[in-house]
Protein backbone atom coordinates (compact mmCIF):
# COMPACT_ATOMS: atom_id res chain seq x y z
CA MET A 1 -34.45 12.16 2.83
CA SER A 2 -30.80 11.16 3.70
CA THR A 3 -28.27 13.41 5.64
CA THR A 4 -26.42 14.18 2.16
CA SER A 5 -28.97 16.08 0.75
CA THR A 6 -30.16 18.02 4.04
CA LYS A 7 -27.02 18.94 4.68
CA ARG A 8 -26.05 19.57 0.85
CA ALA A 9 -22.67 18.15 0.79
CA ALA A 10 -22.00 18.03 -2.11
CA THR A 11 -23.02 21.83 -2.50
CA GLY A 12 -20.55 22.21 0.72
CA SER A 13 -17.85 20.59 -0.18
CA LEU A 14 -17.31 22.35 -3.77
CA LEU A 15 -17.96 25.95 -2.45
CA GLY A 16 -15.02 24.81 0.26
CA LEU A 17 -12.69 23.51 -2.22
CA ALA A 18 -13.06 26.65 -4.09
CA LEU A 19 -12.56 28.94 -1.13
CA GLY A 20 -9.86 27.00 -0.35
CA ASP A 21 -8.43 27.51 -3.37
CA ALA A 22 -9.31 31.16 -3.73
CA LEU A 23 -7.69 31.82 0.09
CA GLY A 24 -4.16 30.03 -0.90
CA PHE A 25 -3.57 31.02 -4.22
CA PRO A 26 -1.57 34.46 -3.07
CA THR A 27 0.28 32.17 -0.36
CA GLU A 28 1.05 29.15 -2.48
CA PHE A 29 4.99 30.01 -3.49
CA ASP A 30 5.51 31.40 0.52
CA ASP A 31 7.15 30.74 3.16
CA VAL A 32 5.18 31.06 6.88
CA PRO A 33 6.80 34.33 8.02
CA SER A 34 6.45 35.58 4.82
CA ILE A 35 2.64 35.19 5.11
CA HIS A 36 2.04 36.70 8.31
CA ALA A 37 4.02 39.81 6.73
CA LYS A 38 1.72 40.24 3.89
CA CYS A 39 -1.82 38.79 4.71
CA GLY A 40 -1.23 39.48 9.43
CA PRO A 41 -1.94 37.06 12.14
CA TRP A 42 -3.30 33.57 10.07
CA ARG A 43 -6.31 33.53 12.08
CA ASP A 44 -7.82 36.26 10.43
CA MET A 45 -6.84 35.73 7.11
CA GLU A 46 -9.38 37.16 4.67
CA LEU A 47 -10.92 35.47 1.13
CA PRO A 48 -8.83 37.97 -1.73
CA ARG A 49 -10.99 40.02 -3.30
CA PRO A 50 -11.37 39.42 -6.01
CA ALA A 51 -12.01 35.37 -5.04
CA ILE A 52 -9.98 34.27 -7.88
CA VAL A 53 -9.21 30.24 -8.11
CA THR A 54 -6.45 28.39 -9.64
CA ASP A 55 -5.99 25.16 -11.99
CA ASP A 56 -7.31 22.77 -9.19
CA THR A 57 -11.24 24.26 -9.20
CA GLN A 58 -11.02 24.53 -12.81
CA MET A 59 -10.08 21.03 -13.15
CA THR A 60 -12.19 20.03 -9.87
CA LEU A 61 -15.02 21.72 -12.45
CA ALA A 62 -14.11 20.21 -15.92
CA LEU A 63 -13.98 16.53 -13.79
CA GLY A 64 -17.42 17.38 -12.34
CA ARG A 65 -18.98 18.21 -15.74
CA GLY A 66 -17.37 15.32 -17.82
CA LEU A 67 -18.72 13.03 -15.11
CA ARG A 68 -22.04 14.73 -15.12
CA THR A 69 -22.12 13.84 -18.73
CA ALA A 70 -20.77 10.32 -18.46
CA MET A 71 -23.86 9.43 -15.92
CA GLU A 72 -26.78 11.30 -17.79
CA ARG A 73 -25.79 8.08 -20.22
CA GLY A 74 -26.02 5.46 -18.29
CA ALA A 75 -24.14 3.42 -15.77
CA LEU A 76 -20.96 4.69 -15.07
CA GLY A 77 -18.01 2.68 -16.76
CA PRO A 78 -14.36 3.21 -18.07
CA LYS A 79 -15.29 3.93 -21.55
CA ARG A 80 -18.40 6.32 -20.59
CA LEU A 81 -16.42 8.08 -18.32
CA GLU A 82 -12.77 8.41 -20.52
CA ARG A 83 -14.29 10.17 -23.58
CA PRO A 84 -16.21 13.34 -21.92
CA VAL A 85 -13.90 13.74 -19.03
CA ARG A 86 -10.86 13.63 -21.49
CA GLU A 87 -12.62 16.23 -23.96
CA GLU A 88 -12.97 18.52 -21.10
CA PHE A 89 -9.40 17.85 -19.82
CA VAL A 90 -8.65 19.03 -23.69
CA ASP A 91 -11.14 21.98 -23.46
CA TRP A 92 -9.51 23.39 -20.12
CA SER A 93 -5.92 22.92 -21.49
CA ARG A 94 -6.90 25.05 -24.62
CA SER A 95 -8.98 27.44 -22.88
CA PRO A 96 -8.01 31.29 -22.87
CA GLU A 97 -8.60 30.91 -18.60
CA ASN A 98 -6.38 28.62 -18.14
CA ASN A 99 -3.87 31.12 -17.23
CA ARG A 100 -2.95 30.04 -13.21
CA ALA A 101 0.09 29.02 -14.06
CA PRO A 102 -1.22 24.64 -13.85
CA GLY A 103 1.17 22.07 -13.58
CA ARG A 104 3.32 21.10 -16.04
CA THR A 105 2.14 17.36 -15.74
CA CYS A 106 -1.37 18.60 -16.76
CA LEU A 107 -0.55 20.42 -19.42
CA VAL A 108 1.97 17.51 -20.97
CA ALA A 109 -0.68 15.43 -20.48
CA CYS A 110 -3.69 17.25 -22.35
CA GLY A 111 -1.44 18.14 -24.94
CA LEU A 112 -1.14 14.74 -25.56
CA LEU A 113 -4.48 13.52 -25.18
CA GLY A 114 -5.92 16.38 -27.61
CA ALA A 115 -5.10 13.16 -30.07
CA GLU A 116 -8.47 11.32 -30.39
CA ASP A 117 -6.88 8.47 -32.12
CA ARG A 118 -4.13 8.35 -29.11
CA PRO A 119 -5.30 5.90 -26.48
CA TRP A 120 -5.22 7.73 -23.17
CA GLN A 121 -2.51 5.45 -21.28
CA ASP A 122 -0.07 6.65 -23.80
CA ALA A 123 -0.61 10.02 -22.70
CA SER A 124 -0.71 9.71 -18.84
CA GLN A 125 2.40 10.57 -17.08
CA ILE A 126 3.55 7.25 -15.49
CA HIS A 127 6.14 8.47 -13.17
CA SER A 128 4.25 11.66 -12.09
CA LYS A 129 2.33 11.58 -8.51
CA GLY A 130 1.92 15.25 -8.14
CA CYS A 131 -1.36 16.75 -6.46
CA GLY A 132 -3.18 17.77 -9.79
CA ALA A 133 -4.56 14.17 -9.78
CA ASN A 134 -6.24 14.72 -6.33
CA MET A 135 -7.04 18.08 -5.78
CA ARG A 136 -9.46 17.61 -8.37
CA VAL A 137 -11.15 14.38 -7.70
CA ALA A 138 -13.81 15.39 -4.84
CA PRO A 139 -16.60 15.07 -7.79
CA VAL A 140 -16.21 11.16 -7.94
CA GLY A 141 -17.08 11.16 -3.76
CA LEU A 142 -19.68 13.30 -4.14
CA ALA A 143 -22.06 11.95 -7.50
CA PRO A 144 -24.55 9.53 -6.06
CA GLY A 145 -25.65 6.03 -6.81
CA LEU A 146 -22.41 4.86 -7.47
CA SER A 147 -20.83 1.48 -6.06
CA ASP A 148 -17.47 1.32 -4.39
CA ASP A 149 -16.35 -0.08 -7.26
CA GLN A 150 -17.29 2.27 -9.62
CA ARG A 151 -16.10 5.36 -7.47
CA ALA A 152 -12.68 3.91 -7.14
CA GLY A 153 -12.36 2.97 -10.67
CA ALA A 154 -13.09 6.51 -11.71
CA ALA A 155 -10.98 8.09 -9.28
CA GLN A 156 -8.45 6.08 -10.95
CA LEU A 157 -8.94 6.39 -13.79
CA GLN A 158 -9.21 10.19 -13.81
CA ALA A 159 -6.30 10.48 -11.95
CA ALA A 160 -4.14 8.34 -14.51
CA LEU A 161 -5.62 10.38 -17.71
CA THR A 162 -2.83 13.15 -16.51
CA HIS A 163 -0.86 11.41 -13.69
CA GLY A 164 0.24 7.46 -13.77
CA HIS A 165 1.94 7.28 -10.98
CA PRO A 166 0.24 4.72 -8.94
CA THR A 167 0.73 7.08 -5.68
CA ALA A 168 -1.44 9.14 -7.63
CA LEU A 169 -3.61 6.62 -8.29
CA ALA A 170 -4.23 5.58 -4.93
CA ALA A 171 -4.36 8.93 -3.35
CA SER A 172 -7.16 9.75 -5.68
CA ASP A 173 -9.04 6.86 -4.76
CA LEU A 174 -8.23 7.63 -0.96
CA THR A 175 -9.38 11.34 -1.36
CA ALA A 176 -12.70 10.30 -3.36
CA HIS A 177 -13.32 7.80 -0.44
CA ALA A 178 -12.44 10.27 2.52
CA VAL A 179 -15.15 13.01 0.78
CA ARG A 180 -17.73 10.50 0.56
CA LEU A 181 -17.49 8.76 4.28
CA LEU A 182 -17.77 12.38 5.23
CA ALA A 183 -20.53 13.30 3.10
CA GLN A 184 -22.40 10.22 4.29
CA GLY A 185 -21.67 11.31 7.84
CA ALA A 186 -18.71 9.17 9.22
CA GLU A 187 -17.15 10.35 12.35
CA PRO A 188 -13.74 12.81 11.64
CA THR A 189 -12.30 10.99 14.58
CA GLY A 190 -12.31 7.51 12.89
CA LEU A 191 -11.58 8.96 9.47
CA VAL A 192 -8.34 8.04 9.32
CA GLY A 193 -8.25 4.11 10.90
CA LEU A 194 -11.44 3.84 7.26
CA LEU A 195 -8.77 5.22 5.04
CA ARG A 196 -6.09 3.00 6.27
CA SER A 197 -8.29 0.01 6.30
CA TYR A 198 -9.56 0.78 2.57
CA ALA A 199 -5.90 0.99 1.98
CA TYR A 200 -4.78 -2.57 3.25
CA ASP A 201 -7.83 -3.84 1.74
CA ASN A 202 -7.38 -2.56 -1.96
CA ARG A 203 -3.42 -2.56 -1.65
CA THR A 204 -2.78 -5.61 -4.68
CA ARG A 205 -5.71 -4.90 -6.14
CA TYR A 206 -5.56 -2.93 -9.82
CA HIS A 207 -8.37 -2.42 -11.79
CA GLU A 208 -8.13 -3.77 -14.78
CA GLN A 209 -11.45 -2.77 -16.37
CA TRP A 210 -10.86 1.02 -15.58
CA LEU A 211 -6.74 1.40 -16.18
CA GLY A 212 -6.25 -1.15 -19.10
CA ASP A 213 -2.73 -1.64 -19.13
CA LEU A 214 -1.89 1.22 -17.64
CA TRP A 215 0.77 -0.74 -15.34
CA THR A 216 2.70 -1.67 -18.39
CA ARG A 217 4.44 1.59 -18.87
CA SER A 218 6.03 1.23 -15.30
CA GLN A 219 9.09 -0.83 -14.54
CA ASP A 220 6.66 -3.16 -12.62
CA PRO A 221 7.23 -7.05 -12.66
CA SER A 222 3.14 -7.46 -12.83
CA PRO A 223 -0.15 -4.96 -12.28
CA GLU A 224 -0.30 -6.19 -8.44
CA HIS A 225 3.05 -5.11 -7.77
CA PHE A 226 2.67 -1.64 -9.76
CA ILE A 227 -0.47 -0.72 -7.80
CA ALA A 228 0.95 -1.77 -4.02
CA ARG A 229 3.64 0.82 -4.71
CA GLY A 230 1.32 3.26 -4.53
CA TRP A 231 -0.89 2.02 -1.81
CA ASP A 232 2.33 1.71 0.67
CA GLU A 233 3.25 5.15 0.11
CA CYS A 234 -0.24 6.41 1.02
CA LEU A 235 0.15 3.97 4.00
CA GLU A 236 3.26 5.27 5.37
CA ILE A 237 1.71 8.89 4.94
CA LEU A 238 -1.33 8.15 7.04
CA GLY A 239 0.90 6.82 9.61
CA ARG A 240 2.57 9.79 9.39
CA LEU A 241 -0.92 11.60 9.78
CA ARG A 242 -2.20 9.29 12.57
CA ASP A 243 0.84 10.22 14.87
CA ALA A 244 0.48 14.00 13.98
CA LEU A 245 -3.03 14.15 15.06
CA ARG A 246 -1.86 12.13 18.45
CA ALA A 247 -0.09 15.55 19.74
CA PRO A 248 -1.41 17.89 17.48
CA SER A 249 0.00 21.18 17.15
CA PRO A 250 -2.46 23.80 15.19
CA GLU A 251 -0.16 26.86 15.55
CA THR A 252 2.58 24.53 13.91
CA ASP A 253 3.44 25.01 10.11
CA PRO A 254 1.24 21.82 9.04
CA CYS A 255 3.25 20.72 6.62
CA LEU A 256 5.67 20.22 8.76
CA ALA A 257 4.02 16.94 9.82
CA THR A 258 3.05 15.53 6.40
CA GLY A 259 5.00 17.25 3.63
CA GLU A 260 4.15 20.17 1.77
CA GLY A 261 1.69 18.29 -0.51
CA TRP A 262 3.08 19.23 -3.87
CA ILE A 263 2.70 15.25 -4.13
CA ALA A 264 -0.60 13.39 -4.15
CA GLU A 265 0.22 11.75 -0.75
CA GLU A 266 1.09 14.58 1.05
CA ALA A 267 -1.68 16.48 -0.18
CA LEU A 268 -4.32 14.28 0.80
CA ALA A 269 -2.22 13.87 4.40
CA THR A 270 -1.86 17.77 5.03
CA GLY A 271 -5.24 18.42 3.56
CA LEU A 272 -6.75 16.21 5.87
CA LEU A 273 -4.64 17.06 9.00
CA CYS A 274 -5.65 20.89 8.36
CA PHE A 275 -9.35 19.58 8.64
CA LEU A 276 -8.98 17.57 11.20
CA LEU A 277 -6.81 20.02 13.63
CA PHE A 278 -10.25 22.43 13.18
CA VAL A 279 -13.34 19.85 12.66
CA ASP A 280 -15.47 22.64 13.93
CA GLU A 281 -14.16 25.19 12.60
CA PRO A 282 -14.10 24.73 9.09
CA VAL A 283 -12.96 28.68 8.06
CA THR A 284 -10.30 28.09 10.50
CA ALA A 285 -9.16 24.75 8.44
CA LEU A 286 -9.00 26.47 5.21
CA ARG A 287 -6.48 29.23 6.56
CA ARG A 288 -4.35 26.62 8.40
CA ALA A 289 -3.93 25.01 5.04
CA ALA A 290 -3.24 28.47 3.33
CA CYS A 291 -1.01 29.53 5.86
CA SER A 292 1.30 26.90 4.95
CA SER A 293 4.85 26.54 3.54
CA GLY A 294 3.84 23.98 0.73
CA ASP A 295 1.36 23.99 -1.99
CA SER A 296 -1.01 26.24 0.10
CA ASP A 297 -3.94 26.35 -2.87
CA SER A 298 -4.01 22.41 -3.34
CA LEU A 299 -4.12 22.17 0.51
CA ALA A 300 -6.71 24.55 1.39
CA CYS A 301 -8.70 23.51 -1.30
CA LEU A 302 -8.70 19.44 0.17
CA ALA A 303 -9.41 21.03 3.50
CA GLY A 304 -12.06 22.57 2.05
CA ALA A 305 -13.67 19.71 -0.13
CA PHE A 306 -13.35 17.55 3.40
CA ALA A 307 -14.70 20.06 5.58
CA GLY A 308 -17.33 21.27 3.51
CA ALA A 309 -18.91 17.34 2.77
CA HIS A 310 -19.15 16.90 6.51
CA HIS A 311 -20.57 20.30 7.47
CA GLY A 312 -22.18 20.44 4.32
CA ALA A 313 -23.58 24.37 2.66
CA ASP A 314 -23.91 26.13 5.56
CA ALA A 315 -20.34 26.02 6.73
CA TRP A 316 -19.15 28.81 4.58
CA PRO A 317 -19.58 32.38 5.60
CA ALA A 318 -22.50 33.61 2.82
CA GLU A 319 -20.24 37.00 2.22
CA TRP A 320 -17.13 34.51 1.21
CA ALA A 321 -19.36 31.79 -0.89
CA GLU A 322 -21.39 34.92 -2.86
CA ARG A 323 -18.31 35.98 -4.33
CA ILE A 324 -16.44 33.12 -5.28
CA GLU A 325 -15.49 32.70 -8.75
CA TYR A 326 -16.76 29.72 -10.95
CA ARG A 327 -20.15 30.18 -7.95
CA GLY A 328 -22.70 29.58 -10.41
CA ASP A 329 -20.65 26.30 -12.12
CA LEU A 330 -20.05 25.24 -8.23
CA LEU A 331 -24.02 25.45 -7.45
CA ALA A 332 -24.92 23.94 -10.54
CA LEU A 333 -23.18 20.57 -9.99
CA GLY A 334 -23.52 20.39 -6.44
CA ALA A 335 -27.63 21.32 -6.43
CA LEU A 336 -27.47 17.90 -8.89
CA TRP A 337 -25.51 16.09 -6.56
CA ASP A 338 -27.89 17.03 -3.71
CA ALA A 339 -31.45 16.47 -5.26
């Protein structure tokens, strides 16, 4: 039995994502002094009652269901993934439960994806690199049995359905890769180095099989030039993350070091920063991300996905896990991928 299944990394990661989302939901548009006034000392932040999540968790579940459907149909490939994920995203966008202030990019793209005769590349918002692309990608890092190529292609394709900017694609690929590495037992101390190596190795690799002619919607002279722009922005922020970890400052708003997280590469880096500042205190990592001046719910959901993948299902207080919204859906996907 692998460590992934004994620690139940998929369950831990999905629960952590949702718990972070619910913890950060009430603080999303507040600065740190306002959060302290509302919630008290950040290290004592409590999970709200009821523990309601945002579109971050809803879209993670939509992707997870689409990925599950695709993998039940055979070997994962672009067409096999695109259809069910597209359907899940459109269903989410039309659902009465989609009332959690979702991002405009997702809503516009899902509206266009609803026309089934339209190639998905025509729906993709080519200039958007909002964090909506990578806040939901954890399932791609958790689903077992995928090759590195399948995982990278799936991470980028699911991002590109809504957010077509190359940085959204690269950041989503990196997020899924980080979740996978942690689930498999990689040492957190070496994680940033592994991610930087991965970014360098993939810098000019355009996954044409998965992305088709998406790059032609941009102003770039070639697909390699297009995708390299995304990896370069991610490499720049990973350098800032490395610097922040050399002189850790756990009491400082993490957004001051690596950005507020409204855009994809900042969400990746600041979510990772919160996890890596408190590797052995997963709940503290969530609280730090939720008590920040940026996109608190997305930052905390990414911190939770990383911490849960590393520690497994036992990372989270039972009292919290028992009352998170969509608990049944999260546990069902987690159990499937931990089995």
